[in-house]
Amino acid sequence: MENVKSKSLIDRIWELFASVRLAIVIFALISLTSIIGTIIEQRAESAKNIQVLSKLFGENHAQGLYNVFEKLGFMDMYHSWWFIVLLVLFSVNIVICSLDRLPRIWRLVKEPIGPLSEETLKKFPIKREITLKGKPDKVKDAVTDAIKNAGFSFTESKEDGGYQFFYQKGNYSRLGVYVTHFSILVIFLGAIIGVLFGFKGHLSLPEGSVSDVAYSDRSNEPRPLGFKIKCDNFDVEFYGKSDMPKEYKSWLTIIKDGREVFKKSIEVNDPLTYNGITFYQSNYGLISERLGRGILILRLVSSDGKSSDISLRLGDTFEIPGTSFSGKIIDFSPALSIDEGGHAFTYSGQMNNPAVFIDFSESGKHKYSGWILKRYPDTWQLPEGYRVEFLDYWGVEYTGLQVRKDPGVWIVYLGCITISIGLFITFFMSHRKIWVRIAEEKNNTKVLVGATTNKNRGALERKIDRIISLLGKKQEGDK
């Protein structure tokens, strides 16, 4: 009791943070809060999370729970002060736990191995013995052969009346847990660097537009990029005749100091990265106020297969080469459908089924008119064998980009690699010590094997049993 009372405040704090129980409690809190943070979408609209909570806890409790979670900071949990405090406490706990146990572990790592007495070997958790006929000098070769056959390379020591062989391997494997602990700290460091010096944002970029800023997800404030990014084009493909997107792409150009320095087409899971900033394909949409001001791109194909592309706006006319036919752009629909009465109507505000209405004339006289749909080639064919293909309505769509700058991501990756190494060392490697003592006993030779290991005892025991088995077979063969 006197020793307890004499401990200083620093000693008590050290003992607290050196406690494995504290590590388990903090880790459990981090895990529990992370689960909640996964269920609740971070920085999402309140209605979205209230709907999630309604499904889990019922509508009567959803609003109240949302208010509690919001006050506790769960709507932006990973930036909350208490979550950062938990990470700091866990980091301090890891460091102090490691330092507190390091001197003892280091002694075990660096402690040299040497001959031991018979009494000591018999106290080992793993021990085997066998008596062989003959003197130690005669038995020695059989013992060394059995040892080598079991996969060990021993150091030999001469003793009075016999020999002793000893072996040690994997002593540095005891440091695997320190590699793991260090890796956790490296991952935390990378995450902190990402939070302090990086950002997550978004950018809606219309076709043909240029921007030198992105907008923060947290505050919606503009964040300078240090360069300009331009959307040259955007396109979306659908599954068959459905409105389910199959693939959507953005063609982007990076402009630095007035020069185009990098171009790339991006799609989901294939982003563009420049100067440490990554642009991910996130969403897309139609800019309704730009309808009527975009550029229609048509391809005119003659009966002999020759084609030419033209760019037009609503109200423009065009000639079909080699004929007396002309066309005039009358109307456009981003998503055309036909009702039961045969009337055309627009069923969506997105570019799901774009179509252009063209009035065709021959020698200045109206001939026929109709809708030409981008996704339906059957509508491209004209009665005279010519085709008018609708390729695109450029300038009326925007690409939605997720913008991320995370200077700590490579540090996190490094931590993930080293933690994998540390876990492999910790769980699959062991510190093995083995002694084989041969000594004369009543005109025969007694072979005593003693061994210790800090893990995977069963595997080492099988190795020892193999040595004994080989010696037993050798003796039977000599009879």
Protein backbone atom coordinates (compact mmCIF):
# COMPACT_ATOMS: atom_id res chain seq x y z
CA MET A 1 0.00 0.00 0.00
CA GLU A 2 2.89 2.35 0.74
CA ASN A 3 4.26 1.86 -2.78
CA VAL A 4 0.87 2.71 -4.26
CA LYS A 5 0.57 5.88 -2.20
CA SER A 6 4.09 6.97 -3.09
CA LYS A 7 3.41 6.90 -6.84
CA SER A 8 3.51 10.30 -8.45
CA LEU A 9 0.77 11.69 -10.69
CA ILE A 10 2.95 11.13 -13.75
CA ASP A 11 3.45 7.48 -12.77
CA ARG A 12 -0.28 6.99 -12.39
CA ILE A 13 -0.99 8.62 -15.76
CA TRP A 14 1.70 6.43 -17.32
CA GLU A 15 0.15 3.29 -15.81
CA LEU A 16 -3.30 4.35 -17.03
CA PHE A 17 -2.17 4.79 -20.63
CA ALA A 18 -0.01 1.65 -20.46
CA SER A 19 -3.15 -0.36 -19.72
CA VAL A 20 -4.35 -2.79 -22.37
CA ARG A 21 -7.87 -2.44 -20.93
CA LEU A 22 -7.84 1.27 -21.76
CA ALA A 23 -6.76 0.42 -25.32
CA ILE A 24 -9.69 -1.99 -25.66
CA VAL A 25 -12.17 0.58 -24.31
CA ILE A 26 -10.94 3.35 -26.63
CA PHE A 27 -10.85 1.01 -29.62
CA ALA A 28 -14.40 -0.15 -28.85
CA LEU A 29 -15.59 3.48 -28.69
CA ILE A 30 -13.92 4.29 -32.02
CA SER A 31 -15.48 1.20 -33.60
CA LEU A 32 -18.95 1.90 -32.20
CA THR A 33 -18.98 5.54 -33.27
CA SER A 34 -17.62 4.58 -36.69
CA ILE A 35 -20.54 2.17 -37.14
CA ILE A 36 -22.95 5.00 -36.32
CA GLY A 37 -21.04 7.27 -38.72
CA THR A 38 -21.46 4.64 -41.43
CA ILE A 39 -25.22 4.33 -40.88
CA ILE A 40 -25.65 8.11 -40.87
CA GLU A 41 -24.52 9.62 -44.16
CA GLN A 42 -22.00 12.33 -43.42
CA ARG A 43 -22.90 15.92 -44.35
CA ALA A 44 -26.12 14.73 -46.00
CA GLU A 45 -29.47 16.50 -46.04
CA SER A 46 -31.43 16.06 -42.81
CA ALA A 47 -34.41 14.44 -44.56
CA LYS A 48 -32.18 11.69 -45.92
CA ASN A 49 -30.82 10.68 -42.51
CA ILE A 50 -34.22 11.02 -40.83
CA GLN A 51 -35.54 8.54 -43.37
CA VAL A 52 -32.71 6.11 -42.52
CA LEU A 53 -33.39 6.47 -38.78
CA SER A 54 -37.12 5.94 -39.39
CA LYS A 55 -36.43 2.57 -40.98
CA LEU A 56 -34.18 1.53 -38.09
CA PHE A 57 -36.01 2.94 -35.06
CA GLY A 58 -39.47 3.94 -36.29
CA GLU A 59 -40.92 7.28 -37.35
CA ASN A 60 -41.84 8.30 -33.79
CA HIS A 61 -38.22 8.25 -32.64
CA ALA A 62 -36.44 9.29 -35.85
CA GLN A 63 -36.61 13.07 -35.43
CA GLY A 64 -35.56 12.95 -31.77
CA LEU A 65 -32.64 10.65 -32.50
CA TYR A 66 -31.58 12.87 -35.38
CA ASN A 67 -31.54 15.92 -33.09
CA VAL A 68 -29.42 14.04 -30.53
CA PHE A 69 -26.97 12.77 -33.16
CA GLU A 70 -26.73 16.23 -34.69
CA LYS A 71 -25.88 17.84 -31.34
CA LEU A 72 -23.25 15.16 -30.72
CA GLY A 73 -21.64 15.88 -34.08
CA PHE A 74 -22.48 12.61 -35.84
CA MET A 75 -23.54 14.45 -39.01
CA ASP A 76 -19.89 15.32 -39.61
CA MET A 77 -18.38 12.82 -37.22
CA TYR A 78 -14.88 12.48 -38.61
CA HIS A 79 -14.26 16.21 -38.13
CA SER A 80 -15.83 16.39 -34.65
CA TRP A 81 -13.63 17.33 -31.69
CA TRP A 82 -14.50 14.22 -29.66
CA PHE A 83 -13.63 11.80 -32.47
CA ILE A 84 -10.26 13.50 -32.92
CA VAL A 85 -9.74 13.28 -29.14
CA LEU A 86 -10.46 9.52 -29.28
CA LEU A 87 -7.84 9.11 -32.01
CA VAL A 88 -5.30 11.14 -30.03
CA LEU A 89 -5.97 9.11 -26.85
CA PHE A 90 -5.65 5.87 -28.80
CA SER A 91 -2.37 7.06 -30.31
CA VAL A 92 -0.98 8.04 -26.91
CA ASN A 93 -2.12 4.70 -25.50
CA ILE A 94 -0.34 2.80 -28.30
CA VAL A 95 2.90 4.75 -27.80
CA ILE A 96 2.98 4.33 -24.01
CA CYS A 97 1.96 0.65 -24.15
CA SER A 98 4.76 0.02 -26.63
CA LEU A 99 7.38 1.94 -24.66
CA ASP A 100 6.33 0.33 -21.37
CA ARG A 101 6.89 -3.20 -22.70
CA LEU A 102 9.81 -2.50 -25.01
CA PRO A 103 12.70 -3.03 -22.52
CA ARG A 104 11.52 -6.54 -21.60
CA ILE A 105 10.85 -7.49 -25.22
CA TRP A 106 14.21 -6.09 -26.33
CA ARG A 107 16.01 -8.21 -23.74
CA LEU A 108 14.28 -11.30 -25.11
CA VAL A 109 15.26 -10.32 -28.65
CA LYS A 110 18.92 -9.64 -27.89
CA GLU A 111 19.49 -12.28 -25.20
CA PRO A 112 22.13 -14.74 -26.49
CA ILE A 113 21.39 -18.44 -26.38
CA GLY A 114 23.80 -20.91 -24.77
CA PRO A 115 24.02 -24.33 -23.08
CA LEU A 116 21.59 -25.12 -20.25
CA SER A 117 21.61 -27.69 -17.47
CA GLU A 118 19.53 -30.86 -17.58
CA GLU A 119 17.38 -29.63 -14.69
CA THR A 120 16.54 -26.43 -16.54
CA LEU A 121 15.66 -28.25 -19.77
CA LYS A 122 13.27 -30.58 -17.93
CA LYS A 123 11.28 -27.54 -16.74
CA PHE A 124 10.58 -26.38 -20.30
CA PRO A 125 6.97 -26.54 -21.57
CA ILE A 126 8.12 -28.60 -24.56
CA LYS A 127 10.44 -31.48 -23.71
CA ARG A 128 11.17 -34.91 -25.15
CA GLU A 129 13.78 -37.52 -24.34
CA ILE A 130 15.00 -40.81 -25.74
CA THR A 131 17.75 -43.23 -24.73
CA LEU A 132 20.03 -44.55 -27.46
CA LYS A 133 22.54 -47.36 -27.32
CA GLY A 134 26.18 -46.36 -27.51
CA LYS A 135 28.43 -43.63 -26.26
CA PRO A 136 27.75 -39.92 -26.95
CA ASP A 137 30.58 -39.77 -29.51
CA LYS A 138 28.96 -42.61 -31.45
CA VAL A 139 25.42 -41.18 -31.19
CA LYS A 140 26.43 -37.63 -32.04
CA ASP A 141 26.33 -38.06 -35.84
CA ALA A 142 22.86 -39.60 -35.72
CA VAL A 143 21.63 -36.70 -33.58
CA THR A 144 23.08 -34.03 -35.89
CA ASP A 145 21.58 -35.78 -38.93
CA ALA A 146 18.14 -35.86 -37.27
CA ILE A 147 18.44 -32.19 -36.32
CA LYS A 148 19.34 -31.15 -39.87
CA ASN A 149 16.58 -33.34 -41.31
CA ALA A 150 14.08 -31.46 -39.13
CA GLY A 151 15.25 -28.21 -40.71
CA PHE A 152 17.40 -26.76 -37.93
CA SER A 153 20.94 -25.41 -38.03
CA PHE A 154 22.42 -25.69 -34.54
CA THR A 155 25.39 -24.38 -32.65
CA GLU A 156 27.40 -27.17 -31.01
CA SER A 157 28.95 -27.10 -27.54
CA LYS A 158 31.20 -29.78 -25.97
CA GLU A 159 30.39 -30.77 -22.40
CA ASP A 160 31.74 -33.22 -19.85
CA GLY A 161 30.37 -36.59 -20.87
CA GLY A 162 28.50 -35.35 -23.92
CA TYR A 163 27.41 -32.53 -26.17
CA GLN A 164 24.76 -29.87 -26.36
CA PHE A 165 23.23 -28.29 -29.46
CA PHE A 166 21.17 -25.11 -29.31
CA TYR A 167 19.21 -23.14 -31.86
CA GLN A 168 17.33 -19.84 -31.93
CA LYS A 169 15.26 -18.35 -34.73
CA GLY A 170 12.67 -15.61 -35.10
CA ASN A 171 13.82 -13.55 -32.14
CA TYR A 172 13.07 -10.35 -34.05
CA SER A 173 9.52 -11.58 -34.71
CA ARG A 174 8.72 -10.34 -31.21
CA LEU A 175 8.95 -6.83 -32.68
CA GLY A 176 6.09 -7.52 -35.11
CA VAL A 177 3.59 -5.96 -32.73
CA TYR A 178 5.69 -2.78 -32.70
CA VAL A 179 5.64 -2.67 -36.49
CA THR A 180 1.84 -2.94 -36.27
CA HIS A 181 1.60 -0.20 -33.64
CA PHE A 182 3.90 2.07 -35.63
CA SER A 183 1.81 1.47 -38.76
CA ILE A 184 -1.38 2.52 -36.96
CA LEU A 185 0.31 5.79 -35.99
CA VAL A 186 1.49 6.28 -39.59
CA ILE A 187 -2.10 5.78 -40.84
CA PHE A 188 -3.38 8.29 -38.27
CA LEU A 189 -0.67 10.75 -39.33
CA GLY A 190 -1.64 10.41 -42.99
CA ALA A 191 -5.31 10.92 -42.13
CA ILE A 192 -4.53 14.04 -40.07
CA ILE A 193 -2.40 15.49 -42.88
CA GLY A 194 -5.28 14.84 -45.26
CA VAL A 195 -7.75 16.62 -42.97
CA LEU A 196 -5.48 19.62 -42.32
CA PHE A 197 -4.03 20.19 -45.77
CA GLY A 198 -6.50 18.49 -48.12
CA PHE A 199 -10.13 18.98 -48.96
CA LYS A 200 -13.15 17.24 -50.42
CA GLY A 201 -15.29 19.19 -52.80
CA HIS A 202 -17.47 19.16 -55.87
CA LEU A 203 -17.71 20.91 -59.19
CA SER A 204 -20.51 21.04 -61.76
CA LEU A 205 -18.87 21.86 -65.08
CA PRO A 206 -21.02 22.52 -68.17
CA GLU A 207 -19.77 21.37 -71.56
CA GLY A 208 -17.37 23.96 -72.95
CA SER A 209 -16.95 25.68 -69.57
CA VAL A 210 -13.76 26.31 -67.62
CA SER A 211 -13.24 26.62 -63.85
CA ASP A 212 -10.25 27.31 -61.64
CA VAL A 213 -12.04 26.53 -58.35
CA ALA A 214 -13.91 23.67 -56.71
CA TYR A 215 -16.44 24.02 -53.90
CA SER A 216 -15.94 22.59 -50.43
CA ASP A 217 -18.37 19.87 -49.35
CA ARG A 218 -18.38 21.26 -45.81
CA SER A 219 -18.79 24.99 -46.37
CA ASN A 220 -19.52 25.24 -50.11
CA GLU A 221 -16.81 27.89 -50.27
CA PRO A 222 -14.65 28.06 -53.43
CA ARG A 223 -11.22 26.43 -53.18
CA PRO A 224 -8.61 27.52 -55.76
CA LEU A 225 -7.20 24.64 -57.80
CA GLY A 226 -4.02 26.34 -58.98
CA PHE A 227 -4.95 25.58 -62.59
CA LYS A 228 -8.01 25.54 -64.85
CA ILE A 229 -10.10 22.55 -65.83
CA LYS A 230 -12.33 22.46 -68.90
CA CYS A 231 -15.11 20.07 -69.87
CA ASP A 232 -14.71 19.48 -73.60
CA ASN A 233 -17.57 17.04 -73.87
CA PHE A 234 -19.88 14.76 -71.93
CA ASP A 235 -21.73 11.65 -73.06
CA VAL A 236 -23.87 8.96 -71.49
CA GLU A 237 -24.78 5.50 -72.76
CA PHE A 238 -27.83 3.53 -71.63
CA TYR A 239 -28.68 -0.14 -71.33
CA GLY A 240 -30.67 -1.08 -74.43
CA LYS A 241 -33.84 0.98 -74.67
CA SER A 242 -34.03 1.65 -70.94
CA ASP A 243 -33.18 4.85 -69.08
CA MET A 244 -30.64 3.11 -66.86
CA PRO A 245 -27.18 4.62 -67.46
CA LYS A 246 -24.60 2.09 -68.61
CA GLU A 247 -21.63 4.42 -68.79
CA TYR A 248 -21.04 8.13 -68.64
CA LYS A 249 -17.85 9.90 -69.61
CA SER A 250 -16.38 13.36 -69.39
CA TRP A 251 -13.62 14.61 -71.67
CA LEU A 252 -11.53 16.99 -69.55
CA THR A 253 -8.59 19.29 -70.28
CA ILE A 254 -6.18 20.78 -67.73
CA ILE A 255 -5.00 24.31 -68.57
CA LYS A 256 -1.93 25.72 -66.84
CA ASP A 257 -0.50 29.19 -67.55
CA GLY A 258 -2.71 29.47 -70.62
CA ARG A 259 -1.55 26.16 -72.14
CA GLU A 260 -3.34 22.83 -72.39
CA VAL A 261 -1.08 20.49 -70.42
CA PHE A 262 -3.17 17.37 -69.93
CA LYS A 263 -6.24 15.70 -71.45
CA LYS A 264 -8.18 12.67 -70.30
CA SER A 265 -11.62 11.11 -70.61
CA ILE A 266 -12.85 10.01 -67.19
CA GLU A 267 -15.60 7.69 -66.07
CA VAL A 268 -16.68 6.06 -62.82
CA ASN A 269 -13.64 4.44 -61.14
CA ASP A 270 -11.26 5.99 -63.69
CA PRO A 271 -10.52 9.52 -62.41
CA LEU A 272 -8.15 12.26 -63.54
CA THR A 273 -5.36 13.31 -61.19
CA TYR A 274 -3.25 16.42 -61.68
CA ASN A 275 -0.99 18.25 -59.24
CA GLY A 276 -2.25 16.14 -56.32
CA ILE A 277 -5.93 16.86 -57.03
CA THR A 278 -8.19 14.06 -58.25
CA PHE A 279 -11.42 14.51 -60.21
CA TYR A 280 -13.92 11.65 -60.01
CA GLN A 281 -16.93 11.20 -62.26
CA SER A 282 -19.85 11.59 -59.87
CA ASN A 283 -23.06 12.64 -61.63
CA TYR A 284 -24.42 14.62 -64.54
CA GLY A 285 -27.44 16.63 -65.54
CA LEU A 286 -29.17 18.88 -68.04
CA ILE A 287 -28.96 22.67 -67.83
CA SER A 288 -32.55 23.64 -68.63
CA GLU A 289 -31.78 27.32 -69.18
CA ARG A 290 -29.31 26.35 -71.91
CA LEU A 291 -31.89 24.44 -73.94
CA GLY A 292 -32.28 26.21 -77.26
CA ARG A 293 -28.75 27.64 -77.05
CA GLY A 294 -26.74 24.45 -77.50
CA ILE A 295 -25.12 23.14 -80.66
CA LEU A 296 -26.79 20.28 -82.53
CA ILE A 297 -24.33 17.98 -84.26
CA LEU A 298 -25.76 16.05 -87.21
CA ARG A 299 -24.15 13.64 -89.64
CA LEU A 300 -25.39 13.67 -93.23
CA VAL A 301 -24.87 10.37 -95.06
CA SER A 302 -25.53 10.11 -98.82
CA SER A 303 -26.82 7.02 -100.59
CA ASP A 304 -23.26 6.09 -101.63
CA GLY A 305 -22.05 6.15 -98.01
CA LYS A 306 -20.24 9.51 -98.01
CA SER A 307 -20.77 11.48 -94.82
CA SER A 308 -20.18 14.92 -93.38
CA ASP A 309 -20.81 16.38 -89.93
CA ILE A 310 -22.47 19.75 -89.42
CA SER A 311 -23.11 21.91 -86.35
CA LEU A 312 -26.38 23.80 -86.07
CA ARG A 313 -28.61 25.66 -83.64
CA LEU A 314 -32.38 25.66 -83.29
CA GLY A 315 -33.92 27.47 -86.26
CA ASP A 316 -30.95 26.86 -88.59
CA THR A 317 -31.35 25.28 -92.02
CA PHE A 318 -28.99 22.95 -93.88
CA GLU A 319 -28.62 21.46 -97.34
CA ILE A 320 -28.24 17.75 -98.07
CA PRO A 321 -25.28 17.62 -100.51
CA GLY A 322 -26.02 16.33 -104.01
CA THR A 323 -29.77 16.77 -103.63
CA SER A 324 -32.40 19.45 -103.77
CA PHE A 325 -33.40 18.64 -100.21
CA SER A 326 -32.92 20.93 -97.23
CA GLY A 327 -33.81 20.68 -93.57
CA LYS A 328 -34.72 23.11 -90.83
CA ILE A 329 -34.27 22.53 -87.09
CA ILE A 330 -37.66 23.15 -85.51
CA ASP A 331 -37.57 21.71 -81.99
CA PHE A 332 -35.62 19.62 -79.52
CA SER A 333 -36.61 17.26 -76.69
CA PRO A 334 -34.17 15.85 -74.12
CA ALA A 335 -36.41 12.84 -73.44
CA LEU A 336 -38.99 12.15 -76.13
CA SER A 337 -41.84 9.71 -75.84
CA ILE A 338 -45.13 9.10 -77.63
CA ASP A 339 -48.42 8.83 -75.76
CA GLU A 340 -51.33 6.51 -76.62
CA GLY A 341 -52.80 9.15 -78.91
CA GLY A 342 -49.61 9.36 -80.93
CA HIS A 343 -48.60 12.73 -79.54
CA ALA A 344 -44.97 13.45 -78.70
CA PHE A 345 -44.11 14.70 -75.22
CA THR A 346 -41.04 15.19 -73.03
CA TYR A 347 -41.12 12.81 -70.08
CA SER A 348 -37.92 13.78 -68.24
CA GLY A 349 -35.71 16.75 -67.53
CA GLN A 350 -32.62 14.64 -68.21
CA MET A 351 -31.03 13.74 -71.55
CA ASN A 352 -32.50 10.23 -71.50
CA ASN A 353 -33.84 10.03 -75.05
CA PRO A 354 -32.77 13.16 -76.97
CA ALA A 355 -34.55 13.93 -80.23
CA VAL A 356 -34.59 16.75 -82.77
CA PHE A 357 -37.59 17.72 -84.91
CA ILE A 358 -36.62 18.56 -88.50
CA ASP A 359 -38.77 19.93 -91.31
CA PHE A 360 -37.57 18.73 -94.74
CA SER A 361 -38.22 20.59 -98.01
CA GLU A 362 -37.51 19.85 -101.66
CA SER A 363 -36.79 22.79 -103.94
CA GLY A 364 -38.25 25.11 -101.32
CA LYS A 365 -41.49 23.17 -100.90
CA HIS A 366 -42.38 21.29 -97.72
CA LYS A 367 -41.88 17.56 -98.17
CA TYR A 368 -42.20 15.94 -94.73
CA SER A 369 -41.12 16.40 -91.12
CA GLY A 370 -40.46 14.25 -88.10
CA TRP A 371 -38.45 13.46 -85.00
CA ILE A 372 -34.94 12.04 -85.32
CA LEU A 373 -33.85 10.29 -82.12
CA LYS A 374 -30.23 9.89 -81.09
CA ARG A 375 -30.70 6.39 -79.64
CA TYR A 376 -32.89 4.98 -82.43
CA PRO A 377 -31.08 4.62 -85.80
CA ASP A 378 -34.36 3.66 -87.52
CA THR A 379 -35.41 7.31 -87.31
CA TRP A 380 -32.30 8.48 -89.20
CA GLN A 381 -33.31 7.05 -92.56
CA LEU A 382 -34.93 9.33 -95.16
CA PRO A 383 -37.21 7.92 -97.88
CA GLU A 384 -34.74 8.83 -100.65
CA GLY A 385 -31.98 6.64 -99.18
CA TYR A 386 -30.22 9.43 -97.33
CA ARG A 387 -29.60 9.45 -93.58
CA VAL A 388 -29.53 12.27 -91.08
CA GLU A 389 -27.92 11.02 -87.88
CA PHE A 390 -28.39 12.91 -84.62
CA LEU A 391 -25.01 12.70 -82.83
CA ASP A 392 -25.20 15.17 -79.96
CA TYR A 393 -26.69 18.32 -78.53
CA TRP A 394 -23.53 19.90 -77.19
CA GLY A 395 -23.39 22.56 -74.50
CA VAL A 396 -26.59 21.77 -72.61
CA GLU A 397 -25.28 19.15 -70.15
CA TYR A 398 -22.95 19.41 -67.21
CA THR A 399 -20.66 16.85 -65.64
CA GLY A 400 -20.69 16.52 -61.86
CA LEU A 401 -17.21 15.94 -60.45
CA GLN A 402 -16.05 14.96 -56.99
CA VAL A 403 -12.84 16.82 -56.26
CA ARG A 404 -10.38 15.53 -53.69
CA LYS A 405 -6.98 16.62 -52.53
CA ASP A 406 -5.41 14.32 -49.97
CA PRO A 407 -1.67 14.88 -49.48
CA GLY A 408 -1.67 12.26 -46.73
CA VAL A 409 -3.03 9.40 -48.85
CA TRP A 410 0.41 7.99 -49.72
CA ILE A 411 1.33 8.01 -46.04
CA VAL A 412 -1.87 6.05 -45.36
CA TYR A 413 -0.96 3.59 -48.12
CA LEU A 414 2.51 3.20 -46.59
CA GLY A 415 0.91 2.54 -43.21
CA CYS A 416 -1.39 -0.08 -44.74
CA ILE A 417 1.58 -1.87 -46.31
CA THR A 418 3.62 -1.85 -43.10
CA ILE A 419 0.65 -2.92 -40.97
CA SER A 420 0.20 -5.92 -43.27
CA ILE A 421 3.86 -6.79 -42.73
CA GLY A 422 3.51 -6.29 -38.98
CA LEU A 423 0.41 -8.49 -38.76
CA PHE A 424 2.10 -11.20 -40.82
CA ILE A 425 5.11 -11.16 -38.49
CA THR A 426 2.90 -11.08 -35.40
CA PHE A 427 0.60 -13.96 -36.33
CA PHE A 428 2.69 -16.18 -38.58
CA MET A 429 6.24 -15.93 -37.22
CA SER A 430 7.45 -17.06 -33.82
CA HIS A 431 10.51 -16.88 -31.60
CA ARG A 432 11.79 -20.44 -31.23
CA LYS A 433 14.51 -21.70 -28.90
CA ILE A 434 15.61 -25.34 -28.95
CA TRP A 435 18.23 -27.25 -26.98
CA VAL A 436 19.36 -30.84 -27.63
CA ARG A 437 21.52 -32.35 -24.89
CA ILE A 438 23.24 -35.72 -25.31
CA ALA A 439 24.92 -37.21 -22.25
CA GLU A 440 26.20 -40.62 -21.21
CA GLU A 441 23.92 -42.60 -18.90
CA LYS A 442 24.69 -46.19 -17.83
CA ASN A 443 26.76 -47.04 -20.92
CA ASN A 444 24.02 -45.57 -23.13
CA THR A 445 23.27 -42.04 -24.29
CA LYS A 446 20.27 -40.03 -23.20
CA VAL A 447 19.05 -37.41 -25.65
CA LEU A 448 17.03 -34.63 -24.02
CA VAL A 449 15.29 -32.02 -26.16
CA GLY A 450 13.85 -28.86 -24.61
CA ALA A 451 12.18 -25.99 -26.44
CA THR A 452 10.18 -22.80 -25.98
CA THR A 453 8.19 -20.64 -28.36
CA ASN A 454 6.03 -17.58 -27.91
CA LYS A 455 3.35 -18.85 -30.33
CA ASN A 456 2.36 -21.75 -32.59
CA ARG A 457 3.48 -24.34 -30.06
CA GLY A 458 1.91 -27.23 -31.96
CA ALA A 459 4.11 -26.71 -35.03
CA LEU A 460 7.28 -26.70 -32.93
CA GLU A 461 6.22 -29.81 -31.04
CA ARG A 462 5.77 -31.62 -34.35
CA LYS A 463 9.32 -30.64 -35.29
CA ILE A 464 10.67 -31.98 -31.98
CA ASP A 465 8.67 -35.19 -32.38
CA ARG A 466 10.23 -35.60 -35.81
CA ILE A 467 13.73 -35.45 -34.31
CA ILE A 468 12.82 -38.09 -31.72
CA SER A 469 11.14 -40.25 -34.37
CA LEU A 470 14.20 -40.12 -36.64
CA LEU A 471 16.48 -41.09 -33.75
CA GLY A 472 14.18 -43.99 -32.84
CA LYS A 473 14.17 -45.27 -36.42
CA LYS A 474 17.94 -44.91 -36.59
CA GLN A 475 18.33 -47.04 -33.48
CA GLU A 476 16.01 -49.74 -34.82
CA GLY A 477 17.97 -49.81 -38.06
CA ASP A 478 21.23 -50.35 -36.19
CA LYS A 479 19.94 -53.45 -34.42
